[in-house]
C-alpha atoms as a PDB file:
ATOM      1  CA  MET A   1     -15.654 -27.893 -60.175  1.00  0.00           C
ATOM      2  CA  ALA A   2     -13.102 -29.714 -57.795  1.00  0.00           C
ATOM      3  CA  LYS A   3     -13.202 -28.364 -54.479  1.00  0.00           C
ATOM      4  CA  SER A   4     -10.338 -26.984 -52.665  1.00  0.00           C
ATOM      5  CA  ARG A   5      -7.914 -28.775 -49.847  1.00  0.00           C
ATOM      6  CA  LEU A   6      -9.824 -26.450 -47.353  1.00  0.00           C
ATOM      7  CA  HIS A   7     -12.972 -28.658 -48.404  1.00  0.00           C
ATOM      8  CA  ARG A   8     -11.289 -32.152 -48.427  1.00  0.00           C
ATOM      9  CA  ILE A   9     -10.918 -34.676 -45.562  1.00  0.00           C
ATOM     10  CA  ALA A  10      -9.048 -37.856 -46.801  1.00  0.00           C
ATOM     11  CA  PHE A  11      -9.905 -41.280 -45.327  1.00  0.00           C
ATOM     12  CA  GLN A  12      -8.227 -45.005 -46.151  1.00  0.00           C
ATOM     13  CA  GLY A  13     -10.422 -47.356 -47.750  1.00  0.00           C
ATOM     14  CA  GLU A  14     -12.543 -47.071 -50.886  1.00  0.00           C
ATOM     15  CA  PRO A  15     -16.265 -45.541 -51.264  1.00  0.00           C
ATOM     16  CA  GLY A  16     -18.640 -46.647 -48.442  1.00  0.00           C
ATOM     17  CA  ALA A  17     -15.780 -47.566 -46.220  1.00  0.00           C
ATOM     18  CA  ASN A  18     -17.021 -46.924 -42.162  1.00  0.00           C
ATOM     19  CA  SER A  19     -13.893 -44.239 -42.053  1.00  0.00           C
ATOM     20  CA  HIS A  20     -16.011 -42.173 -45.383  1.00  0.00           C
ATOM     21  CA  LEU A  21     -19.024 -42.590 -43.074  1.00  0.00           C
ATOM     22  CA  ALA A  22     -17.410 -41.405 -40.234  1.00  0.00           C
ATOM     23  CA  ALA A  23     -15.979 -38.088 -42.306  1.00  0.00           C
ATOM     24  CA  LEU A  24     -19.174 -37.260 -43.643  1.00  0.00           C
ATOM     25  CA  ASP A  25     -21.007 -37.756 -39.940  1.00  0.00           C
ATOM     26  CA  ALA A  26     -18.197 -35.330 -38.578  1.00  0.00           C
ATOM     27  CA  TYR A  27     -17.442 -32.987 -41.381  1.00  0.00           C
ATOM     28  CA  PRO A  28     -20.879 -33.148 -43.485  1.00  0.00           C
ATOM     29  CA  ARG A  29     -19.759 -29.964 -45.689  1.00  0.00           C
ATOM     30  CA  MET A  30     -16.539 -31.634 -46.715  1.00  0.00           C
ATOM     31  CA  GLU A  31     -15.579 -33.925 -50.224  1.00  0.00           C
ATOM     32  CA  ALA A  32     -14.526 -37.235 -48.636  1.00  0.00           C
ATOM     33  CA  LEU A  33     -11.146 -38.047 -50.457  1.00  0.00           C
ATOM     34  CA  ALA A  34     -10.548 -42.201 -50.840  1.00  0.00           C
ATOM     35  CA  CYS A  35      -7.046 -43.368 -50.818  1.00  0.00           C
ATOM     36  CA  PRO A  36      -5.786 -47.081 -50.756  1.00  0.00           C
ATOM     37  CA  THR A  37      -3.722 -47.094 -47.921  1.00  0.00           C
ATOM     38  CA  PHE A  38      -3.155 -45.008 -44.137  1.00  0.00           C
ATOM     39  CA  GLU A  39      -0.045 -43.806 -45.868  1.00  0.00           C
ATOM     40  CA  ASP A  40      -1.737 -42.030 -48.725  1.00  0.00           C
ATOM     41  CA  ALA A  41      -4.339 -40.281 -46.732  1.00  0.00           C
ATOM     42  CA  LEU A  42      -1.459 -38.958 -44.429  1.00  0.00           C
ATOM     43  CA  ALA A  43       0.393 -38.052 -47.746  1.00  0.00           C
ATOM     44  CA  ALA A  44      -2.703 -36.486 -48.905  1.00  0.00           C
ATOM     45  CA  VAL A  45      -2.966 -33.800 -46.035  1.00  0.00           C
ATOM     46  CA  LYS A  46       1.160 -33.352 -45.899  1.00  0.00           C
ATOM     47  CA  SER A  47       0.935 -32.562 -49.795  1.00  0.00           C
ATOM     48  CA  GLY A  48      -1.724 -30.228 -49.377  1.00  0.00           C
ATOM     49  CA  VAL A  49      -4.118 -32.309 -51.841  1.00  0.00           C
ATOM     50  CA  ALA A  50      -6.683 -32.793 -48.628  1.00  0.00           C
ATOM     51  CA  LYS A  51      -6.893 -30.476 -45.007  1.00  0.00           C
ATOM     52  CA  PHE A  52      -7.804 -33.278 -42.809  1.00  0.00           C
ATOM     53  CA  ALA A  53      -7.376 -37.187 -42.933  1.00  0.00           C
ATOM     54  CA  MET A  54      -9.688 -39.134 -40.544  1.00  0.00           C
ATOM     55  CA  ILE A  55      -8.176 -42.268 -39.319  1.00  0.00           C
ATOM     56  CA  PRO A  56      -9.330 -44.817 -37.335  1.00  0.00           C
ATOM     57  CA  ILE A  57      -7.327 -45.835 -33.940  1.00  0.00           C
ATOM     58  CA  GLU A  58      -9.558 -48.359 -32.019  1.00  0.00           C
ATOM     59  CA  ASN A  59     -12.847 -49.906 -31.665  1.00  0.00           C
ATOM     60  CA  SER A  60     -14.723 -51.104 -28.801  1.00  0.00           C
ATOM     61  CA  VAL A  61     -15.130 -54.817 -29.770  1.00  0.00           C
ATOM     62  CA  ALA A  62     -11.470 -55.417 -31.767  1.00  0.00           C
ATOM     63  CA  GLY A  63      -9.466 -53.171 -30.267  1.00  0.00           C
ATOM     64  CA  ARG A  64      -6.321 -50.808 -31.169  1.00  0.00           C
ATOM     65  CA  VAL A  65      -5.735 -50.312 -35.263  1.00  0.00           C
ATOM     66  CA  ALA A  66      -2.932 -51.729 -36.843  1.00  0.00           C
ATOM     67  CA  ASP A  67      -0.027 -49.749 -38.310  1.00  0.00           C
ATOM     68  CA  ILE A  68      -1.497 -46.285 -37.228  1.00  0.00           C
ATOM     69  CA  HIS A  69       0.915 -45.948 -34.062  1.00  0.00           C
ATOM     70  CA  HIS A  70       3.919 -46.665 -35.964  1.00  0.00           C
ATOM     71  CA  LEU A  71       2.844 -43.980 -38.619  1.00  0.00           C
ATOM     72  CA  LEU A  72       1.775 -41.472 -36.760  1.00  0.00           C
ATOM     73  CA  PRO A  73       5.054 -40.196 -34.864  1.00  0.00           C
ATOM     74  CA  HIS A  74       7.207 -39.782 -37.914  1.00  0.00           C
ATOM     75  CA  SER A  75       3.948 -38.367 -40.201  1.00  0.00           C
ATOM     76  CA  SER A  76       4.767 -34.740 -39.105  1.00  0.00           C
ATOM     77  CA  LEU A  77       0.883 -34.158 -38.377  1.00  0.00           C
ATOM     78  CA  HIS A  78      -1.052 -33.328 -35.582  1.00  0.00           C
ATOM     79  CA  ILE A  79      -4.052 -34.776 -34.163  1.00  0.00           C
ATOM     80  CA  VAL A  80      -6.566 -31.659 -33.764  1.00  0.00           C
ATOM     81  CA  ALA A  81      -9.600 -33.464 -33.236  1.00  0.00           C
ATOM     82  CA  GLU A  82     -11.362 -37.437 -32.493  1.00  0.00           C
ATOM     83  CA  HIS A  83     -14.672 -38.670 -33.535  1.00  0.00           C
ATOM     84  CA  PHE A  84     -16.267 -41.872 -32.411  1.00  0.00           C
ATOM     85  CA  GLU A  85     -18.462 -43.908 -34.775  1.00  0.00           C
ATOM     86  CA  ARG A  86     -21.405 -46.035 -34.153  1.00  0.00           C
ATOM     87  CA  VAL A  87     -20.343 -49.020 -36.497  1.00  0.00           C
ATOM     88  CA  ARG A  88     -23.698 -50.885 -37.586  1.00  0.00           C
ATOM     89  CA  HIS A  89     -22.743 -53.779 -40.125  1.00  0.00           C
ATOM     90  CA  GLN A  90     -25.171 -54.684 -42.901  1.00  0.00           C
ATOM     91  CA  LEU A  91     -25.016 -57.736 -44.636  1.00  0.00           C
ATOM     92  CA  LEU A  92     -25.042 -56.773 -48.586  1.00  0.00           C
ATOM     93  CA  THR A  93     -26.111 -59.133 -51.156  1.00  0.00           C
ATOM     94  CA  LEU A  94     -26.795 -58.764 -54.995  1.00  0.00           C
ATOM     95  CA  PRO A  95     -30.055 -57.440 -55.851  1.00  0.00           C
ATOM     96  CA  GLY A  96     -32.557 -60.578 -55.624  1.00  0.00           C
ATOM     97  CA  VAL A  97     -30.718 -63.022 -54.090  1.00  0.00           C
ATOM     98  CA  LYS A  98     -31.970 -64.707 -51.172  1.00  0.00           C
ATOM     99  CA  LEU A  99     -30.157 -65.902 -47.745  1.00  0.00           C
ATOM    100  CA  PRO A 100     -30.481 -69.724 -48.821  1.00  0.00           C
ATOM    101  CA  GLU A 101     -28.542 -69.150 -51.836  1.00  0.00           C
ATOM    102  CA  LEU A 102     -25.537 -67.342 -49.830  1.00  0.00           C
ATOM    103  CA  LYS A 103     -21.885 -69.801 -49.282  1.00  0.00           C
ATOM    104  CA  THR A 104     -19.643 -67.083 -48.361  1.00  0.00           C
ATOM    105  CA  VAL A 105     -19.443 -63.892 -46.796  1.00  0.00           C
ATOM    106  CA  HIS A 106     -16.492 -61.322 -47.549  1.00  0.00           C
ATOM    107  CA  SER A 107     -15.073 -58.460 -45.739  1.00  0.00           C
ATOM    108  CA  HIS A 108     -12.116 -57.124 -43.867  1.00  0.00           C
ATOM    109  CA  VAL A 109     -10.930 -59.403 -41.271  1.00  0.00           C
ATOM    110  CA  MET A 110     -12.130 -56.823 -38.343  1.00  0.00           C
ATOM    111  CA  ALA A 111     -15.816 -56.529 -39.529  1.00  0.00           C
ATOM    112  CA  LEU A 112     -15.590 -60.544 -40.002  1.00  0.00           C
ATOM    113  CA  GLY A 113     -14.652 -60.744 -36.552  1.00  0.00           C
ATOM    114  CA  GLN A 114     -17.475 -58.407 -35.380  1.00  0.00           C
ATOM    115  CA  CYS A 115     -20.399 -60.368 -36.737  1.00  0.00           C
ATOM    116  CA  ARG A 116     -19.562 -64.069 -35.466  1.00  0.00           C
ATOM    117  CA  ASN A 117     -22.953 -64.675 -34.319  1.00  0.00           C
ATOM    118  CA  ALA A 118     -24.506 -63.925 -37.501  1.00  0.00           C
ATOM    119  CA  ILE A 119     -22.177 -65.310 -39.737  1.00  0.00           C
ATOM    120  CA  ARG A 120     -22.009 -68.500 -37.685  1.00  0.00           C
ATOM    121  CA  ALA A 121     -26.543 -68.662 -37.808  1.00  0.00           C
ATOM    122  CA  LEU A 122     -26.497 -68.272 -41.347  1.00  0.00           C
ATOM    123  CA  LYS A 123     -23.761 -71.228 -41.921  1.00  0.00           C
ATOM    124  CA  LEU A 124     -21.543 -68.897 -44.040  1.00  0.00           C
ATOM    125  CA  LYS A 125     -17.674 -69.115 -44.997  1.00  0.00           C
ATOM    126  CA  PRO A 126     -16.053 -66.059 -44.102  1.00  0.00           C
ATOM    127  CA  VAL A 127     -13.479 -64.611 -46.446  1.00  0.00           C
ATOM    128  CA  ALA A 128     -10.898 -61.738 -45.446  1.00  0.00           C
ATOM    129  CA  GLU A 129     -10.981 -58.702 -47.985  1.00  0.00           C
ATOM    130  CA  ALA A 130      -8.882 -55.862 -47.564  1.00  0.00           C
ATOM    131  CA  ASP A 131     -11.805 -53.444 -47.278  1.00  0.00           C
ATOM    132  CA  THR A 132     -15.436 -53.508 -46.349  1.00  0.00           C
ATOM    133  CA  ALA A 133     -16.458 -50.843 -49.707  1.00  0.00           C
ATOM    134  CA  GLY A 134     -13.739 -52.987 -51.548  1.00  0.00           C
ATOM    135  CA  ALA A 135     -15.719 -56.324 -51.009  1.00  0.00           C
ATOM    136  CA  ALA A 136     -18.872 -54.273 -51.570  1.00  0.00           C
ATOM    137  CA  ARG A 137     -17.699 -52.898 -55.085  1.00  0.00           C
ATOM    138  CA  HIS A 138     -16.372 -56.678 -56.263  1.00  0.00           C
ATOM    139  CA  LEU A 139     -19.395 -58.306 -55.160  1.00  0.00           C
ATOM    140  CA  ARG A 140     -21.478 -55.807 -57.558  1.00  0.00           C
ATOM    141  CA  GLU A 141     -18.820 -56.411 -60.345  1.00  0.00           C
ATOM    142  CA  SER A 142     -18.437 -60.079 -59.889  1.00  0.00           C
ATOM    143  CA  GLY A 143     -22.054 -60.695 -60.006  1.00  0.00           C
ATOM    144  CA  ASP A 144     -22.012 -63.570 -57.645  1.00  0.00           C
ATOM    145  CA  ARG A 145     -25.481 -64.965 -56.218  1.00  0.00           C
ATOM    146  CA  SER A 146     -23.847 -66.961 -53.660  1.00  0.00           C
ATOM    147  CA  SER A 147     -21.602 -64.407 -51.859  1.00  0.00           C
ATOM    148  CA  ALA A 148     -22.520 -61.484 -49.530  1.00  0.00           C
ATOM    149  CA  VAL A 149     -20.325 -59.207 -47.737  1.00  0.00           C
ATOM    150  CA  ILE A 150     -20.340 -57.346 -44.746  1.00  0.00           C
ATOM    151  CA  ALA A 151     -20.226 -53.452 -45.337  1.00  0.00           C
ATOM    152  CA  SER A 152     -21.604 -50.095 -44.302  1.00  0.00           C
ATOM    153  CA  LYS A 153     -25.287 -48.935 -45.736  1.00  0.00           C
ATOM    154  CA  LEU A 154     -23.435 -46.229 -47.854  1.00  0.00           C
ATOM    155  CA  ALA A 155     -21.709 -49.018 -49.065  1.00  0.00           C
ATOM    156  CA  ALA A 156     -24.782 -50.455 -50.374  1.00  0.00           C
ATOM    157  CA  GLU A 157     -26.271 -47.516 -51.827  1.00  0.00           C
ATOM    158  CA  ILE A 158     -23.137 -46.540 -53.442  1.00  0.00           C
ATOM    159  CA  TYR A 159     -22.798 -50.280 -55.115  1.00  0.00           C
ATOM    160  CA  GLY A 160     -26.488 -50.691 -56.022  1.00  0.00           C
ATOM    161  CA  LEU A 161     -26.515 -53.576 -53.174  1.00  0.00           C
ATOM    162  CA  LYS A 162     -29.504 -55.180 -51.159  1.00  0.00           C
ATOM    163  CA  ILE A 163     -29.103 -54.841 -47.281  1.00  0.00           C
ATOM    164  CA  ALA A 164     -30.629 -58.604 -46.586  1.00  0.00           C
ATOM    165  CA  ARG A 165     -29.879 -58.524 -42.353  1.00  0.00           C
ATOM    166  CA  ALA A 166     -29.603 -55.004 -40.696  1.00  0.00           C
ATOM    167  CA  ASP A 167     -27.381 -54.420 -37.850  1.00  0.00           C
ATOM    168  CA  ILE A 168     -25.814 -57.721 -37.703  1.00  0.00           C
ATOM    169  CA  GLU A 169     -22.824 -56.819 -35.370  1.00  0.00           C
ATOM    170  CA  ASP A 170     -22.591 -58.455 -32.029  1.00  0.00           C
ATOM    171  CA  ALA A 171     -22.118 -55.570 -29.871  1.00  0.00           C
ATOM    172  CA  GLU A 172     -24.586 -53.064 -29.501  1.00  0.00           C
ATOM    173  CA  HIS A 173     -22.051 -50.918 -28.395  1.00  0.00           C
ATOM    174  CA  ASN A 174     -19.429 -51.454 -31.538  1.00  0.00           C
ATOM    175  CA  THR A 175     -18.135 -47.879 -31.972  1.00  0.00           C
ATOM    176  CA  THR A 176     -14.637 -47.170 -33.444  1.00  0.00           C
ATOM    177  CA  ARG A 177     -12.841 -43.855 -32.205  1.00  0.00           C
ATOM    178  CA  PHE A 178     -11.393 -42.130 -34.758  1.00  0.00           C
ATOM    179  CA  ILE A 179      -8.518 -38.767 -35.218  1.00  0.00           C
ATOM    180  CA  VAL A 180      -8.596 -36.503 -37.134  1.00  0.00           C
ATOM    181  CA  LEU A 181      -5.326 -35.133 -38.415  1.00  0.00           C
ATOM    182  CA  ALA A 182      -3.684 -31.778 -40.081  1.00  0.00           C
ATOM    183  CA  THR A 183      -0.459 -30.329 -40.891  1.00  0.00           C
ATOM    184  CA  LYS A 184      -0.866 -27.712 -38.139  1.00  0.00           C
ATOM    185  CA  PRO A 185      -2.408 -28.139 -34.351  1.00  0.00           C
ATOM    186  CA  GLU A 186      -5.176 -27.292 -32.761  1.00  0.00           C
ATOM    187  CA  ARG A 187      -5.143 -24.282 -30.972  1.00  0.00           C
ATOM    188  CA  VAL A 188      -7.255 -24.826 -27.656  1.00  0.00           C
ATOM    189  CA  ARG A 189      -6.817 -23.101 -24.523  1.00  0.00           C
ATOM    190  CA  GLN A 190      -7.615 -24.466 -20.746  1.00  0.00           C
ATOM    191  CA  SER A 191     -10.576 -22.357 -20.709  1.00  0.00           C
ATOM    192  CA  ASP A 192     -12.005 -24.160 -23.767  1.00  0.00           C
ATOM    193  CA  GLY A 193     -13.460 -26.769 -22.111  1.00  0.00           C
ATOM    194  CA  PRO A 194     -12.414 -30.443 -21.629  1.00  0.00           C
ATOM    195  CA  VAL A 195      -9.404 -31.475 -24.020  1.00  0.00           C
ATOM    196  CA  ILE A 196      -7.248 -34.288 -25.077  1.00  0.00           C
ATOM    197  CA  THR A 197      -3.397 -34.601 -25.217  1.00  0.00           C
ATOM    198  CA  SER A 198      -1.913 -37.782 -27.244  1.00  0.00           C
ATOM    199  CA  PHE A 199       1.627 -38.502 -27.212  1.00  0.00           C
ATOM    200  CA  VAL A 200       3.956 -41.419 -27.547  1.00  0.00           C
ATOM    201  CA  PHE A 201       7.008 -41.978 -25.751  1.00  0.00           C
ATOM    202  CA  ARG A 202       9.970 -44.784 -24.973  1.00  0.00           C
ATOM    203  CA  VAL A 203      11.320 -44.905 -21.240  1.00  0.00           C
ATOM    204  CA  ARG A 204      14.730 -45.890 -20.505  1.00  0.00           C
ATOM    205  CA  ASN A 205      16.058 -49.122 -19.783  1.00  0.00           C
ATOM    206  CA  VAL A 206      16.287 -49.161 -16.206  1.00  0.00           C
ATOM    207  CA  PRO A 207      14.623 -51.129 -13.572  1.00  0.00           C
ATOM    208  CA  ALA A 208      10.970 -49.685 -13.246  1.00  0.00           C
ATOM    209  CA  ALA A 209      11.160 -46.847 -15.251  1.00  0.00           C
ATOM    210  CA  LEU A 210       7.808 -47.260 -17.116  1.00  0.00           C
ATOM    211  CA  TYR A 211       6.191 -47.429 -13.232  1.00  0.00           C
ATOM    212  CA  LYS A 212       8.488 -44.305 -12.590  1.00  0.00           C
ATOM    213  CA  ALA A 213       7.544 -42.115 -15.690  1.00  0.00           C
ATOM    214  CA  LEU A 214       4.030 -43.160 -15.098  1.00  0.00           C
ATOM    215  CA  GLY A 215       4.433 -41.913 -11.377  1.00  0.00           C
ATOM    216  CA  GLY A 216       3.771 -38.235 -11.951  1.00  0.00           C
ATOM    217  CA  PHE A 217       0.395 -38.816 -13.443  1.00  0.00           C
ATOM    218  CA  ALA A 218      -0.920 -40.392 -10.365  1.00  0.00           C
ATOM    219  CA  THR A 219       0.449 -38.500  -7.961  1.00  0.00           C
ATOM    220  CA  ASN A 220      -0.862 -35.513 -10.071  1.00  0.00           C
ATOM    221  CA  GLY A 221      -4.153 -36.936 -10.272  1.00  0.00           C
ATOM    222  CA  VAL A 222      -4.013 -36.897 -13.745  1.00  0.00           C
ATOM    223  CA  ASN A 223      -6.688 -39.516 -15.736  1.00  0.00           C
ATOM    224  CA  MET A 224      -4.523 -41.465 -18.474  1.00  0.00           C
ATOM    225  CA  THR A 225      -7.628 -42.805 -20.415  1.00  0.00           C
ATOM    226  CA  LYS A 226      -5.606 -45.045 -23.008  1.00  0.00           C
ATOM    227  CA  LEU A 227      -1.881 -46.775 -22.512  1.00  0.00           C
ATOM    228  CA  GLU A 228      -0.622 -49.132 -25.220  1.00  0.00           C
ATOM    229  CA  SER A 229       2.792 -50.478 -26.061  1.00  0.00           C
ATOM    230  CA  TYR A 230       3.995 -51.866 -29.411  1.00  0.00           C
ATOM    231  CA  GLN A 231       7.510 -52.935 -30.125  1.00  0.00           C
ATOM    232  CA  LEU A 232      10.233 -50.682 -32.929  1.00  0.00           C
ATOM    233  CA  GLU A 233      10.925 -52.308 -35.580  1.00  0.00           C
ATOM    234  CA  GLY A 234      11.096 -55.654 -35.079  1.00  0.00           C
ATOM    235  CA  SER A 235      12.717 -55.424 -31.721  1.00  0.00           C
ATOM    236  CA  PHE A 236      11.759 -57.138 -28.598  1.00  0.00           C
ATOM    237  CA  ASN A 237      14.056 -54.452 -26.303  1.00  0.00           C
ATOM    238  CA  ALA A 238      12.607 -51.231 -27.662  1.00  0.00           C
ATOM    239  CA  THR A 239       9.332 -50.604 -26.917  1.00  0.00           C
ATOM    240  CA  MET A 240       7.434 -47.516 -27.431  1.00  0.00           C
ATOM    241  CA  PHE A 241       3.876 -46.419 -25.567  1.00  0.00           C
ATOM    242  CA  TYR A 242       1.101 -44.553 -26.818  1.00  0.00           C
ATOM    243  CA  ALA A 243      -0.927 -42.736 -24.296  1.00  0.00           C
ATOM    244  CA  ASP A 244      -4.311 -40.244 -23.726  1.00  0.00           C
ATOM    245  CA  ILE A 245      -4.355 -38.020 -21.152  1.00  0.00           C
ATOM    246  CA  GLU A 246      -7.947 -35.729 -19.793  1.00  0.00           C
ATOM    247  CA  GLY A 247      -5.970 -32.270 -19.631  1.00  0.00           C
ATOM    248  CA  HIS A 248      -3.919 -29.589 -21.180  1.00  0.00           C
ATOM    249  CA  PRO A 249      -0.440 -28.935 -21.036  1.00  0.00           C
ATOM    250  CA  ASP A 250      -0.392 -26.009 -19.588  1.00  0.00           C
ATOM    251  CA  GLU A 251      -2.449 -26.707 -16.519  1.00  0.00           C
ATOM    252  CA  ARG A 252       0.109 -26.870 -13.471  1.00  0.00           C
ATOM    253  CA  LEU A 253      -0.518 -30.763 -12.730  1.00  0.00           C
ATOM    254  CA  VAL A 254       0.193 -32.037 -16.051  1.00  0.00           C
ATOM    255  CA  LYS A 255       3.131 -30.106 -16.588  1.00  0.00           C
ATOM    256  CA  LEU A 256       4.391 -31.803 -13.437  1.00  0.00           C
ATOM    257  CA  ALA A 257       2.914 -35.060 -14.545  1.00  0.00           C
ATOM    258  CA  MET A 258       5.219 -34.546 -17.980  1.00  0.00           C
ATOM    259  CA  GLU A 259       7.943 -33.542 -16.491  1.00  0.00           C
ATOM    260  CA  GLU A 260       8.469 -36.984 -14.632  1.00  0.00           C
ATOM    261  CA  LEU A 261       7.693 -38.245 -17.853  1.00  0.00           C
ATOM    262  CA  HIS A 262      10.626 -36.506 -19.738  1.00  0.00           C
ATOM    263  CA  PHE A 263      12.712 -37.729 -16.722  1.00  0.00           C
ATOM    264  CA  PHE A 264      12.562 -41.229 -16.983  1.00  0.00           C
ATOM    265  CA  SER A 265      12.280 -41.373 -20.756  1.00  0.00           C
ATOM    266  CA  ILE A 266      14.518 -41.132 -23.497  1.00  0.00           C
ATOM    267  CA  GLU A 267      11.938 -40.038 -25.944  1.00  0.00           C
ATOM    268  CA  VAL A 268       8.736 -38.115 -25.658  1.00  0.00           C
ATOM    269  CA  THR A 269       6.590 -37.110 -28.485  1.00  0.00           C
ATOM    270  CA  VAL A 270       3.382 -35.069 -28.368  1.00  0.00           C
ATOM    271  CA  LEU A 271       1.013 -35.854 -31.148  1.00  0.00           C
ATOM    272  CA  GLY A 272      -1.899 -33.166 -30.150  1.00  0.00           C
ATOM    273  CA  THR A 273      -3.963 -31.523 -27.461  1.00  0.00           C
ATOM    274  CA  TYR A 274      -7.545 -31.358 -28.606  1.00  0.00           C
ATOM    275  CA  PRO A 275     -10.993 -30.748 -27.764  1.00  0.00           C
ATOM    276  CA  ALA A 276     -12.477 -33.991 -26.422  1.00  0.00           C
ATOM    277  CA  SER A 277     -15.184 -35.622 -27.772  1.00  0.00           C
ATOM    278  CA  PRO A 278     -18.626 -34.931 -26.108  1.00  0.00           C
ATOM    279  CA  PHE A 279     -19.334 -39.183 -26.645  1.00  0.00           C
ATOM    280  CA  ARG A 280     -16.815 -39.307 -23.536  1.00  0.00           C
ATOM    281  CA  ALA A 281     -19.340 -37.203 -20.903  1.00  0.00           C
ATOM    282  CA  GLU A 282     -21.926 -39.287 -22.616  1.00  0.00           C
ATOM    283  CA  LEU A 283     -20.347 -42.188 -22.043  1.00  0.00           C
ATOM    284  CA  LYS A 284     -19.239 -41.626 -18.324  1.00  0.00           C
ATOM    285  CA  ALA A 285     -23.095 -40.085 -17.797  1.00  0.00           C
ATOM    286  CA  LEU A 286     -24.356 -44.088 -18.710  1.00  0.00           C
ATOM    287  CA  GLU A 287     -21.042 -45.851 -16.504  1.00  0.00           C
ATOM    288  CA  GLY A 288     -22.716 -43.729 -13.774  1.00  0.00           C
END
């Protein structure tokens, strides 16, 4: 019997993708729903097919995930949680294949870029594919003994492939941050513990507008953990900014900072206020 929307979480990619793994790790009791594109994953939530969407937003090695910033402001969805997933890339082959037989390695461009040292050491030609798990499925279907793929352990299990080399990522800290989207915002209070507030904004076209818009966060001691810019509709004059801050909009100092941001901005859209992942505290402890 199919599960209701309350038990489904959508992700972009094919079964076995890292987003699939993140969905299972964060919500082990929910059914993970594979979607071809990010737009399809968001649409699954908006239409009621799924309760949540697990969407990657940035990686500690490769940086931000393209397209997401453009989709979020117009999705009508709210960020209700965040999840940090340690990324472990596996070199997968068909069963029985030995490393000297390999000539090419296929995967998503980000995965290839995160495993440059292993690819170079094995003298393989990297071939970019749309999806890590999709590359794994295609290898199983093609039966090509000269090809390997870089994908997750879950993909190896799903498609019956052999892990020829485990954990081949260049950086041990390789971690992807995911956001969880829903149709209704998360109800969090100041007293609930550390929270993150995410928003996008566009400043007025006046000298030092960005400096002035962000000044309120500095003067009020509000920590901004992320700030990124992206162009609107191919224009070099229309720039949007995405930001994460530590704090709740109801806090006095956050209110003052946001008031200053609004004064120097044409547009401000809060995407969500949600509990900070425990990973943030662990990271701060490691950094001393």
